Amino acid sequence: MAEITYADFEQVDIRTGTIIEVRPFPEARKPAHILIIDFGPEIGVKKSSAQITVHYTAESLVGRQVMAVVNFPPRQIGPFRSEVLTLGFEDEAGAIVLAATERPVPNGKKLM
């Protein structure tokens, strides 16, 4: 992978947000949830599609704080328009584990 500069990294706007609602996404090719995430007053509430159904039920996600890239252009995923990219890592089996802060921080805080 090519090296990037710190200036390149600064262009990726990664923020914290709290999941306030989870909706089913039966039209997705792979099992997924639609996440409604509150990023605080500066950014507001945004939607994201996330293929995280292996480790997370809808009920377990509400109230969870996550990290997301908020400055990518929206992406059309079937009938759904995803506004942010929720971040995660693959486990040994390829299922996604959400990226999150070690302890709660205010919604909308930028990764430094």
N, C-alpha and C. Protein backbone atom coordinates (compact mmCIF):
# COMPACT_ATOMS: atom_id res chain seq x y z
N MET A 1 0.85 -1.17 0.00
CA MET A 1 0.00 0.00 0.00
C MET A 1 0.90 1.24 0.00
N ALA A 2 0.50 2.24 -0.75
CA ALA A 2 1.28 3.47 -0.86
C ALA A 2 1.21 4.28 0.43
N GLU A 3 2.31 4.93 0.78
CA GLU A 3 2.33 5.84 1.92
C GLU A 3 1.55 7.10 1.58
N ILE A 4 0.93 7.70 2.60
CA ILE A 4 0.26 8.97 2.42
C ILE A 4 0.88 9.98 3.38
N THR A 5 0.61 11.23 3.14
CA THR A 5 1.10 12.27 4.04
C THR A 5 0.07 12.53 5.13
N TYR A 6 0.50 13.25 6.16
CA TYR A 6 -0.44 13.64 7.20
C TYR A 6 -1.55 14.51 6.63
N ALA A 7 -1.20 15.34 5.65
CA ALA A 7 -2.21 16.18 5.00
C ALA A 7 -3.27 15.32 4.32
N ASP A 8 -2.86 14.20 3.71
CA ASP A 8 -3.82 13.27 3.11
C ASP A 8 -4.76 12.73 4.18
N PHE A 9 -4.20 12.31 5.31
CA PHE A 9 -5.00 11.75 6.40
C PHE A 9 -6.00 12.78 6.93
N GLU A 10 -5.58 14.04 7.02
CA GLU A 10 -6.46 15.09 7.55
C GLU A 10 -7.70 15.30 6.69
N GLN A 11 -7.65 14.88 5.44
CA GLN A 11 -8.80 15.05 4.56
C GLN A 11 -9.92 14.06 4.87
N VAL A 12 -9.61 12.96 5.57
CA VAL A 12 -10.62 11.97 5.93
C VAL A 12 -11.23 12.40 7.27
N ASP A 13 -12.51 12.74 7.25
CA ASP A 13 -13.19 13.26 8.43
C ASP A 13 -13.90 12.11 9.15
N ILE A 14 -13.26 11.59 10.19
CA ILE A 14 -13.81 10.48 10.98
C ILE A 14 -14.36 11.05 12.27
N ARG A 15 -15.64 10.79 12.52
CA ARG A 15 -16.33 11.35 13.69
C ARG A 15 -17.02 10.24 14.49
N THR A 16 -17.31 10.56 15.75
CA THR A 16 -18.08 9.67 16.60
C THR A 16 -19.56 10.02 16.49
N GLY A 17 -20.38 9.00 16.60
CA GLY A 17 -21.82 9.20 16.61
C GLY A 17 -22.49 8.08 17.38
N THR A 18 -23.69 8.33 17.83
CA THR A 18 -24.45 7.33 18.58
C THR A 18 -25.59 6.82 17.72
N ILE A 19 -25.71 5.51 17.62
CA ILE A 19 -26.80 4.90 16.87
C ILE A 19 -28.10 5.13 17.64
N ILE A 20 -29.05 5.79 16.98
CA ILE A 20 -30.32 6.09 17.65
C ILE A 20 -31.47 5.24 17.13
N GLU A 21 -31.26 4.60 15.98
CA GLU A 21 -32.30 3.74 15.41
C GLU A 21 -31.64 2.74 14.46
N VAL A 22 -32.22 1.55 14.39
CA VAL A 22 -31.75 0.52 13.46
C VAL A 22 -32.97 0.00 12.72
N ARG A 23 -32.84 -0.04 11.38
CA ARG A 23 -33.93 -0.54 10.54
C ARG A 23 -33.46 -1.75 9.77
N PRO A 24 -34.38 -2.63 9.42
CA PRO A 24 -34.00 -3.77 8.57
C PRO A 24 -33.67 -3.29 7.16
N PHE A 25 -32.85 -4.07 6.45
CA PHE A 25 -32.49 -3.74 5.07
C PHE A 25 -32.60 -5.02 4.24
N PRO A 26 -33.84 -5.49 4.02
CA PRO A 26 -34.03 -6.77 3.32
C PRO A 26 -33.60 -6.73 1.86
N GLU A 27 -33.49 -5.55 1.25
CA GLU A 27 -33.10 -5.45 -0.16
C GLU A 27 -31.59 -5.60 -0.37
N ALA A 28 -30.80 -5.55 0.69
CA ALA A 28 -29.34 -5.65 0.57
C ALA A 28 -28.94 -7.03 0.05
N ARG A 29 -27.89 -7.06 -0.78
CA ARG A 29 -27.39 -8.35 -1.31
C ARG A 29 -26.85 -9.24 -0.21
N LYS A 30 -26.13 -8.65 0.75
CA LYS A 30 -25.64 -9.37 1.93
C LYS A 30 -26.41 -8.83 3.12
N PRO A 31 -26.65 -9.67 4.13
CA PRO A 31 -27.41 -9.20 5.30
C PRO A 31 -26.82 -7.92 5.88
N ALA A 32 -27.68 -6.93 6.13
CA ALA A 32 -27.22 -5.63 6.61
C ALA A 32 -28.30 -4.95 7.44
N HIS A 33 -27.85 -4.00 8.24
CA HIS A 33 -28.75 -3.11 8.98
C HIS A 33 -28.64 -1.72 8.38
N ILE A 34 -29.71 -0.95 8.47
CA ILE A 34 -29.65 0.49 8.22
C ILE A 34 -29.51 1.15 9.58
N LEU A 35 -28.45 1.94 9.74
CA LEU A 35 -28.18 2.62 11.00
C LEU A 35 -28.54 4.09 10.86
N ILE A 36 -29.24 4.62 11.84
CA ILE A 36 -29.51 6.05 11.93
C ILE A 36 -28.62 6.54 13.08
N ILE A 37 -27.67 7.43 12.74
CA ILE A 37 -26.60 7.80 13.68
C ILE A 37 -26.63 9.30 13.94
N ASP A 38 -26.61 9.67 15.22
CA ASP A 38 -26.57 11.07 15.63
C ASP A 38 -25.11 11.50 15.81
N PHE A 39 -24.67 12.46 14.97
CA PHE A 39 -23.31 12.98 15.03
C PHE A 39 -23.25 14.35 15.70
N GLY A 40 -24.26 14.70 16.46
CA GLY A 40 -24.25 15.97 17.17
C GLY A 40 -24.73 17.13 16.32
N PRO A 41 -24.77 18.33 16.92
CA PRO A 41 -25.39 19.48 16.25
C PRO A 41 -24.68 19.95 14.99
N GLU A 42 -23.37 19.81 14.90
CA GLU A 42 -22.64 20.30 13.72
C GLU A 42 -22.95 19.49 12.47
N ILE A 43 -23.03 18.17 12.61
CA ILE A 43 -23.23 17.27 11.46
C ILE A 43 -24.66 16.77 11.37
N GLY A 44 -25.28 16.53 12.50
CA GLY A 44 -26.67 16.08 12.52
C GLY A 44 -26.80 14.57 12.45
N VAL A 45 -27.98 14.13 12.08
CA VAL A 45 -28.31 12.71 12.00
C VAL A 45 -28.08 12.24 10.57
N LYS A 46 -27.36 11.12 10.42
CA LYS A 46 -27.03 10.56 9.10
C LYS A 46 -27.39 9.09 9.08
N LYS A 47 -27.55 8.54 7.86
CA LYS A 47 -27.89 7.13 7.65
C LYS A 47 -26.70 6.38 7.07
N SER A 48 -26.60 5.10 7.44
CA SER A 48 -25.53 4.25 6.93
C SER A 48 -26.03 2.82 6.81
N SER A 49 -25.57 2.13 5.79
CA SER A 49 -25.83 0.70 5.67
C SER A 49 -24.61 -0.03 6.21
N ALA A 50 -24.82 -1.06 7.01
CA ALA A 50 -23.69 -1.77 7.61
C ALA A 50 -23.95 -3.28 7.61
N GLN A 51 -23.00 -4.01 7.04
CA GLN A 51 -23.08 -5.47 7.01
C GLN A 51 -22.48 -6.03 8.30
N ILE A 52 -23.22 -5.87 9.38
CA ILE A 52 -22.72 -6.23 10.71
C ILE A 52 -23.66 -7.18 11.44
N THR A 53 -24.49 -7.91 10.69
CA THR A 53 -25.53 -8.73 11.31
C THR A 53 -24.99 -9.97 12.00
N VAL A 54 -23.76 -10.38 11.72
CA VAL A 54 -23.20 -11.57 12.38
C VAL A 54 -23.00 -11.32 13.87
N HIS A 55 -22.46 -10.16 14.22
CA HIS A 55 -22.13 -9.87 15.62
C HIS A 55 -23.13 -8.96 16.33
N TYR A 56 -24.05 -8.31 15.58
CA TYR A 56 -24.90 -7.30 16.20
C TYR A 56 -26.36 -7.45 15.79
N THR A 57 -27.22 -7.52 16.78
CA THR A 57 -28.66 -7.44 16.53
C THR A 57 -29.06 -5.98 16.52
N ALA A 58 -30.22 -5.70 15.98
CA ALA A 58 -30.71 -4.32 15.97
C ALA A 58 -30.80 -3.78 17.40
N GLU A 59 -31.29 -4.61 18.31
CA GLU A 59 -31.47 -4.19 19.70
C GLU A 59 -30.13 -3.86 20.36
N SER A 60 -29.09 -4.60 20.03
CA SER A 60 -27.79 -4.38 20.68
C SER A 60 -27.07 -3.15 20.14
N LEU A 61 -27.53 -2.61 19.02
CA LEU A 61 -26.86 -1.47 18.40
C LEU A 61 -27.36 -0.12 18.89
N VAL A 62 -28.64 -0.02 19.25
CA VAL A 62 -29.20 1.26 19.68
C VAL A 62 -28.48 1.72 20.94
N GLY A 63 -27.98 2.96 20.90
CA GLY A 63 -27.24 3.54 22.02
C GLY A 63 -25.74 3.33 21.93
N ARG A 64 -25.29 2.52 20.98
CA ARG A 64 -23.85 2.25 20.82
C ARG A 64 -23.19 3.40 20.06
N GLN A 65 -22.04 3.81 20.55
CA GLN A 65 -21.28 4.84 19.86
C GLN A 65 -20.34 4.18 18.85
N VAL A 66 -20.30 4.75 17.64
CA VAL A 66 -19.48 4.20 16.56
C VAL A 66 -18.64 5.31 15.94
N MET A 67 -17.75 4.91 15.04
CA MET A 67 -16.93 5.84 14.28
C MET A 67 -17.32 5.72 12.82
N ALA A 68 -17.33 6.86 12.12
CA ALA A 68 -17.71 6.84 10.71
C ALA A 68 -17.00 7.96 9.95
N VAL A 69 -16.76 7.71 8.66
CA VAL A 69 -16.26 8.74 7.77
C VAL A 69 -17.48 9.54 7.32
N VAL A 70 -17.46 10.85 7.58
CA VAL A 70 -18.64 11.66 7.30
C VAL A 70 -18.48 12.56 6.07
N ASN A 71 -17.32 12.51 5.41
CA ASN A 71 -17.13 13.40 4.27
C ASN A 71 -16.93 12.68 2.94
N PHE A 72 -17.34 11.43 2.85
CA PHE A 72 -17.44 10.76 1.56
C PHE A 72 -18.75 11.19 0.90
N PRO A 73 -18.82 11.18 -0.42
CA PRO A 73 -20.11 11.48 -1.05
C PRO A 73 -21.11 10.36 -0.73
N PRO A 74 -22.40 10.67 -0.68
CA PRO A 74 -23.41 9.62 -0.44
C PRO A 74 -23.28 8.52 -1.49
N ARG A 75 -23.64 7.30 -1.07
CA ARG A 75 -23.53 6.14 -1.96
C ARG A 75 -24.88 5.44 -2.04
N GLN A 76 -25.31 5.19 -3.26
CA GLN A 76 -26.58 4.50 -3.47
C GLN A 76 -26.35 3.00 -3.34
N ILE A 77 -27.07 2.34 -2.43
CA ILE A 77 -26.97 0.90 -2.22
C ILE A 77 -28.38 0.36 -2.43
N GLY A 78 -28.66 -0.12 -3.63
CA GLY A 78 -30.01 -0.54 -3.97
C GLY A 78 -30.95 0.64 -3.81
N PRO A 79 -32.04 0.47 -3.05
CA PRO A 79 -32.99 1.57 -2.88
C PRO A 79 -32.58 2.56 -1.77
N PHE A 80 -31.45 2.31 -1.13
CA PHE A 80 -31.03 3.09 0.04
C PHE A 80 -29.85 3.99 -0.30
N ARG A 81 -29.86 5.20 0.24
CA ARG A 81 -28.76 6.15 0.05
C ARG A 81 -27.98 6.27 1.36
N SER A 82 -26.77 5.70 1.38
CA SER A 82 -25.92 5.74 2.56
C SER A 82 -25.16 7.06 2.59
N GLU A 83 -25.22 7.76 3.73
CA GLU A 83 -24.64 9.10 3.84
C GLU A 83 -23.27 9.12 4.50
N VAL A 84 -22.94 8.09 5.28
CA VAL A 84 -21.64 8.00 5.95
C VAL A 84 -21.15 6.55 5.86
N LEU A 85 -19.84 6.37 6.06
CA LEU A 85 -19.25 5.03 6.06
C LEU A 85 -18.94 4.65 7.50
N THR A 86 -19.72 3.75 8.07
CA THR A 86 -19.47 3.26 9.42
C THR A 86 -18.25 2.34 9.37
N LEU A 87 -17.32 2.52 10.31
CA LEU A 87 -16.04 1.81 10.26
C LEU A 87 -16.04 0.54 11.11
N GLY A 88 -15.30 -0.45 10.63
CA GLY A 88 -15.15 -1.70 11.35
C GLY A 88 -13.98 -2.50 10.80
N PHE A 89 -13.70 -3.59 11.46
CA PHE A 89 -12.61 -4.48 11.09
C PHE A 89 -13.15 -5.89 10.90
N GLU A 90 -12.56 -6.65 9.98
CA GLU A 90 -12.95 -8.05 9.81
C GLU A 90 -12.34 -8.89 10.93
N ASP A 91 -13.14 -9.82 11.48
CA ASP A 91 -12.60 -10.79 12.42
C ASP A 91 -11.99 -11.95 11.63
N GLU A 92 -11.61 -13.01 12.31
CA GLU A 92 -10.96 -14.15 11.67
C GLU A 92 -11.83 -14.79 10.59
N ALA A 93 -13.14 -14.72 10.76
CA ALA A 93 -14.07 -15.34 9.81
C ALA A 93 -14.56 -14.37 8.74
N GLY A 94 -14.12 -13.11 8.79
CA GLY A 94 -14.54 -12.12 7.81
C GLY A 94 -15.76 -11.31 8.19
N ALA A 95 -16.32 -11.55 9.38
CA ALA A 95 -17.46 -10.77 9.85
C ALA A 95 -16.95 -9.44 10.43
N ILE A 96 -17.75 -8.41 10.30
CA ILE A 96 -17.32 -7.07 10.72
C ILE A 96 -17.56 -6.82 12.20
N VAL A 97 -16.52 -6.27 12.86
CA VAL A 97 -16.57 -5.80 14.24
C VAL A 97 -16.45 -4.28 14.17
N LEU A 98 -17.39 -3.58 14.78
CA LEU A 98 -17.42 -2.13 14.71
C LEU A 98 -16.20 -1.48 15.35
N ALA A 99 -15.73 -0.40 14.75
CA ALA A 99 -14.69 0.44 15.34
C ALA A 99 -15.38 1.44 16.26
N ALA A 100 -14.85 1.59 17.46
CA ALA A 100 -15.48 2.48 18.43
C ALA A 100 -14.42 3.07 19.35
N THR A 101 -14.81 4.11 20.07
CA THR A 101 -13.90 4.71 21.04
C THR A 101 -13.79 3.82 22.27
N GLU A 102 -12.72 3.98 23.00
CA GLU A 102 -12.47 3.18 24.20
C GLU A 102 -13.43 3.55 25.32
N ARG A 103 -13.88 4.80 25.32
CA ARG A 103 -14.91 5.26 26.26
C ARG A 103 -15.75 6.33 25.57
N PRO A 104 -16.93 6.62 26.08
CA PRO A 104 -17.80 7.59 25.40
C PRO A 104 -17.15 8.98 25.28
N VAL A 105 -17.40 9.60 24.13
CA VAL A 105 -17.00 10.99 23.87
C VAL A 105 -18.21 11.69 23.27
N PRO A 106 -18.23 13.02 23.27
CA PRO A 106 -19.38 13.70 22.67
C PRO A 106 -19.57 13.35 21.21
N ASN A 107 -20.82 13.21 20.78
CA ASN A 107 -21.12 12.94 19.38
C ASN A 107 -20.54 14.06 18.51
N GLY A 108 -19.97 13.66 17.38
CA GLY A 108 -19.42 14.62 16.45
C GLY A 108 -17.95 14.91 16.63
N LYS A 109 -17.33 14.36 17.67
CA LYS A 109 -15.90 14.60 17.87
C LYS A 109 -15.10 13.96 16.74
N LYS A 110 -14.08 14.67 16.29
CA LYS A 110 -13.24 14.23 15.18
C LYS A 110 -12.08 13.38 15.68
N LEU A 111 -11.76 12.32 14.93
CA LEU A 111 -10.59 11.51 15.23
C LEU A 111 -9.36 12.37 15.04
N MET A 112 -8.50 12.40 16.03
CA MET A 112 -7.28 13.24 15.98
C MET A 112 -6.05 12.36 15.85
